[in-house]
Amino acid sequence: MPSIQWPFLGFAVLAAACMIGIGIAIGEQSIIGAVLSIVLLLAVMGFGFSFKAKMRRAGKL
């Protein structure tokens, strides 16, 4: 069984929290909150993908 890769789990949890934030902001009718959550989601996912590419280039994956 492979070990847990904690950084990737952290990125996944943060991305899921941003998606939840989008839903909450829509429910509260907060455009600013929804936009902020979308921007944070894109940032977290982008950083996660770049981190994975960096690890792959380094041969750690």
N, C-alpha and C. Protein backbone atom coordinates (compact mmCIF):
# COMPACT_ATOMS: atom_id res chain seq x y z
N MET A 1 0.84 -1.18 0.00
CA MET A 1 0.00 0.00 0.00
C MET A 1 0.89 1.25 0.00
N PRO A 2 0.67 2.17 -0.95
CA PRO A 2 1.51 3.36 -1.01
C PRO A 2 1.24 4.29 0.18
N SER A 3 2.27 5.04 0.53
CA SER A 3 2.11 5.95 1.67
C SER A 3 1.34 7.20 1.24
N ILE A 4 0.80 7.88 2.21
CA ILE A 4 0.03 9.11 1.93
C ILE A 4 1.00 10.22 1.59
N GLN A 5 0.71 10.93 0.53
CA GLN A 5 1.53 12.08 0.15
C GLN A 5 0.84 13.32 0.72
N TRP A 6 1.31 13.76 1.86
CA TRP A 6 0.66 14.80 2.64
C TRP A 6 0.50 16.13 1.91
N PRO A 7 1.50 16.60 1.14
CA PRO A 7 1.28 17.88 0.45
C PRO A 7 0.10 17.82 -0.52
N PHE A 8 -0.03 16.70 -1.24
CA PHE A 8 -1.13 16.59 -2.19
C PHE A 8 -2.47 16.48 -1.49
N LEU A 9 -2.50 15.83 -0.36
CA LEU A 9 -3.73 15.76 0.44
C LEU A 9 -4.11 17.16 0.92
N GLY A 10 -3.12 17.94 1.32
CA GLY A 10 -3.38 19.31 1.76
C GLY A 10 -3.95 20.17 0.64
N PHE A 11 -3.38 20.04 -0.57
CA PHE A 11 -3.90 20.79 -1.71
C PHE A 11 -5.33 20.38 -2.02
N ALA A 12 -5.62 19.10 -1.93
CA ALA A 12 -6.98 18.60 -2.22
C ALA A 12 -7.98 19.13 -1.19
N VAL A 13 -7.59 19.15 0.07
CA VAL A 13 -8.49 19.65 1.12
C VAL A 13 -8.73 21.15 0.94
N LEU A 14 -7.67 21.90 0.62
CA LEU A 14 -7.83 23.34 0.40
C LEU A 14 -8.72 23.62 -0.81
N ALA A 15 -8.55 22.86 -1.88
CA ALA A 15 -9.38 23.04 -3.07
C ALA A 15 -10.84 22.72 -2.75
N ALA A 16 -11.07 21.65 -2.01
CA ALA A 16 -12.44 21.30 -1.63
C ALA A 16 -13.05 22.39 -0.74
N ALA A 17 -12.26 22.96 0.15
CA ALA A 17 -12.75 24.04 1.01
C ALA A 17 -13.12 25.26 0.18
N CYS A 18 -12.36 25.54 -0.86
CA CYS A 18 -12.69 26.67 -1.75
C CYS A 18 -13.98 26.39 -2.50
N MET A 19 -14.18 25.15 -2.92
CA MET A 19 -15.44 24.81 -3.61
C MET A 19 -16.62 24.95 -2.66
N ILE A 20 -16.44 24.54 -1.43
CA ILE A 20 -17.50 24.72 -0.42
C ILE A 20 -17.76 26.20 -0.20
N GLY A 21 -16.68 26.98 -0.17
CA GLY A 21 -16.83 28.43 -0.01
C GLY A 21 -17.62 29.07 -1.13
N ILE A 22 -17.44 28.57 -2.35
CA ILE A 22 -18.23 29.08 -3.48
C ILE A 22 -19.71 28.82 -3.23
N GLY A 23 -20.04 27.61 -2.80
CA GLY A 23 -21.44 27.27 -2.53
C GLY A 23 -22.03 28.11 -1.41
N ILE A 24 -21.26 28.32 -0.37
CA ILE A 24 -21.75 29.13 0.75
C ILE A 24 -21.96 30.58 0.31
N ALA A 25 -21.01 31.09 -0.47
CA ALA A 25 -21.12 32.48 -0.94
C ALA A 25 -22.34 32.65 -1.84
N ILE A 26 -22.60 31.67 -2.69
CA ILE A 26 -23.79 31.75 -3.54
C ILE A 26 -25.05 31.70 -2.69
N GLY A 27 -25.05 30.84 -1.69
CA GLY A 27 -26.20 30.75 -0.80
C GLY A 27 -26.44 32.04 -0.02
N GLU A 28 -25.37 32.72 0.33
CA GLU A 28 -25.48 33.99 1.05
C GLU A 28 -25.65 35.17 0.10
N GLN A 29 -25.67 34.92 -1.19
CA GLN A 29 -25.79 35.93 -2.23
C GLN A 29 -24.67 36.97 -2.13
N SER A 30 -23.45 36.47 -1.91
CA SER A 30 -22.28 37.33 -1.81
C SER A 30 -21.42 37.14 -3.06
N ILE A 31 -21.49 38.11 -3.94
CA ILE A 31 -20.70 38.03 -5.17
C ILE A 31 -19.21 38.13 -4.84
N ILE A 32 -18.85 38.99 -3.92
CA ILE A 32 -17.44 39.15 -3.54
C ILE A 32 -16.89 37.85 -2.97
N GLY A 33 -17.65 37.19 -2.12
CA GLY A 33 -17.22 35.92 -1.55
C GLY A 33 -17.06 34.84 -2.60
N ALA A 34 -17.99 34.80 -3.55
CA ALA A 34 -17.92 33.79 -4.62
C ALA A 34 -16.69 34.03 -5.49
N VAL A 35 -16.46 35.29 -5.86
CA VAL A 35 -15.32 35.61 -6.70
C VAL A 35 -14.01 35.32 -5.96
N LEU A 36 -13.96 35.67 -4.69
CA LEU A 36 -12.76 35.41 -3.89
C LEU A 36 -12.51 33.91 -3.78
N SER A 37 -13.54 33.13 -3.58
CA SER A 37 -13.40 31.68 -3.49
C SER A 37 -12.95 31.08 -4.81
N ILE A 38 -13.45 31.60 -5.92
CA ILE A 38 -13.04 31.10 -7.23
C ILE A 38 -11.57 31.42 -7.47
N VAL A 39 -11.15 32.63 -7.13
CA VAL A 39 -9.74 33.01 -7.31
C VAL A 39 -8.84 32.14 -6.44
N LEU A 40 -9.24 31.91 -5.20
CA LEU A 40 -8.46 31.05 -4.32
C LEU A 40 -8.41 29.61 -4.84
N LEU A 41 -9.53 29.13 -5.37
CA LEU A 41 -9.56 27.79 -5.94
C LEU A 41 -8.59 27.67 -7.10
N LEU A 42 -8.61 28.63 -8.00
CA LEU A 42 -7.68 28.60 -9.14
C LEU A 42 -6.23 28.67 -8.68
N ALA A 43 -5.97 29.48 -7.66
CA ALA A 43 -4.60 29.60 -7.15
C ALA A 43 -4.12 28.29 -6.51
N VAL A 44 -4.96 27.69 -5.69
CA VAL A 44 -4.59 26.45 -5.01
C VAL A 44 -4.39 25.32 -6.02
N MET A 45 -5.31 25.20 -6.97
CA MET A 45 -5.19 24.13 -7.95
C MET A 45 -3.98 24.35 -8.86
N GLY A 46 -3.74 25.60 -9.26
CA GLY A 46 -2.58 25.90 -10.09
C GLY A 46 -1.28 25.60 -9.36
N PHE A 47 -1.21 26.00 -8.09
CA PHE A 47 0.00 25.71 -7.31
C PHE A 47 0.18 24.21 -7.10
N GLY A 48 -0.92 23.50 -6.90
CA GLY A 48 -0.84 22.05 -6.72
C GLY A 48 -0.33 21.35 -7.97
N PHE A 49 -0.85 21.76 -9.13
CA PHE A 49 -0.39 21.15 -10.38
C PHE A 49 1.07 21.49 -10.66
N SER A 50 1.49 22.73 -10.37
CA SER A 50 2.89 23.08 -10.60
C SER A 50 3.80 22.34 -9.63
N PHE A 51 3.33 22.13 -8.40
CA PHE A 51 4.11 21.38 -7.41
C PHE A 51 4.27 19.93 -7.86
N LYS A 52 3.20 19.36 -8.41
CA LYS A 52 3.27 17.98 -8.90
C LYS A 52 4.25 17.88 -10.07
N ALA A 53 4.21 18.85 -10.98
CA ALA A 53 5.13 18.84 -12.11
C ALA A 53 6.58 18.96 -11.63
N LYS A 54 6.79 19.80 -10.64
CA LYS A 54 8.14 19.98 -10.08
C LYS A 54 8.63 18.68 -9.44
N MET A 55 7.75 18.02 -8.71
CA MET A 55 8.14 16.75 -8.07
C MET A 55 8.41 15.67 -9.13
N ARG A 56 7.61 15.68 -10.21
CA ARG A 56 7.80 14.71 -11.26
C ARG A 56 9.14 14.92 -11.97
N ARG A 57 9.48 16.20 -12.22
CA ARG A 57 10.77 16.51 -12.86
C ARG A 57 11.94 16.10 -11.96
N ALA A 58 11.75 16.23 -10.65
CA ALA A 58 12.81 15.87 -9.70
C ALA A 58 12.91 14.37 -9.50
N GLY A 59 11.96 13.61 -10.06
CA GLY A 59 11.98 12.15 -9.95
C GLY A 59 11.46 11.63 -8.63
N LYS A 60 10.71 12.42 -7.92
CA LYS A 60 10.19 12.00 -6.61
C LYS A 60 8.80 11.38 -6.69
N LEU A 61 8.22 11.31 -7.90
CA LEU A 61 6.91 10.69 -8.05
C LEU A 61 7.02 9.45 -8.90
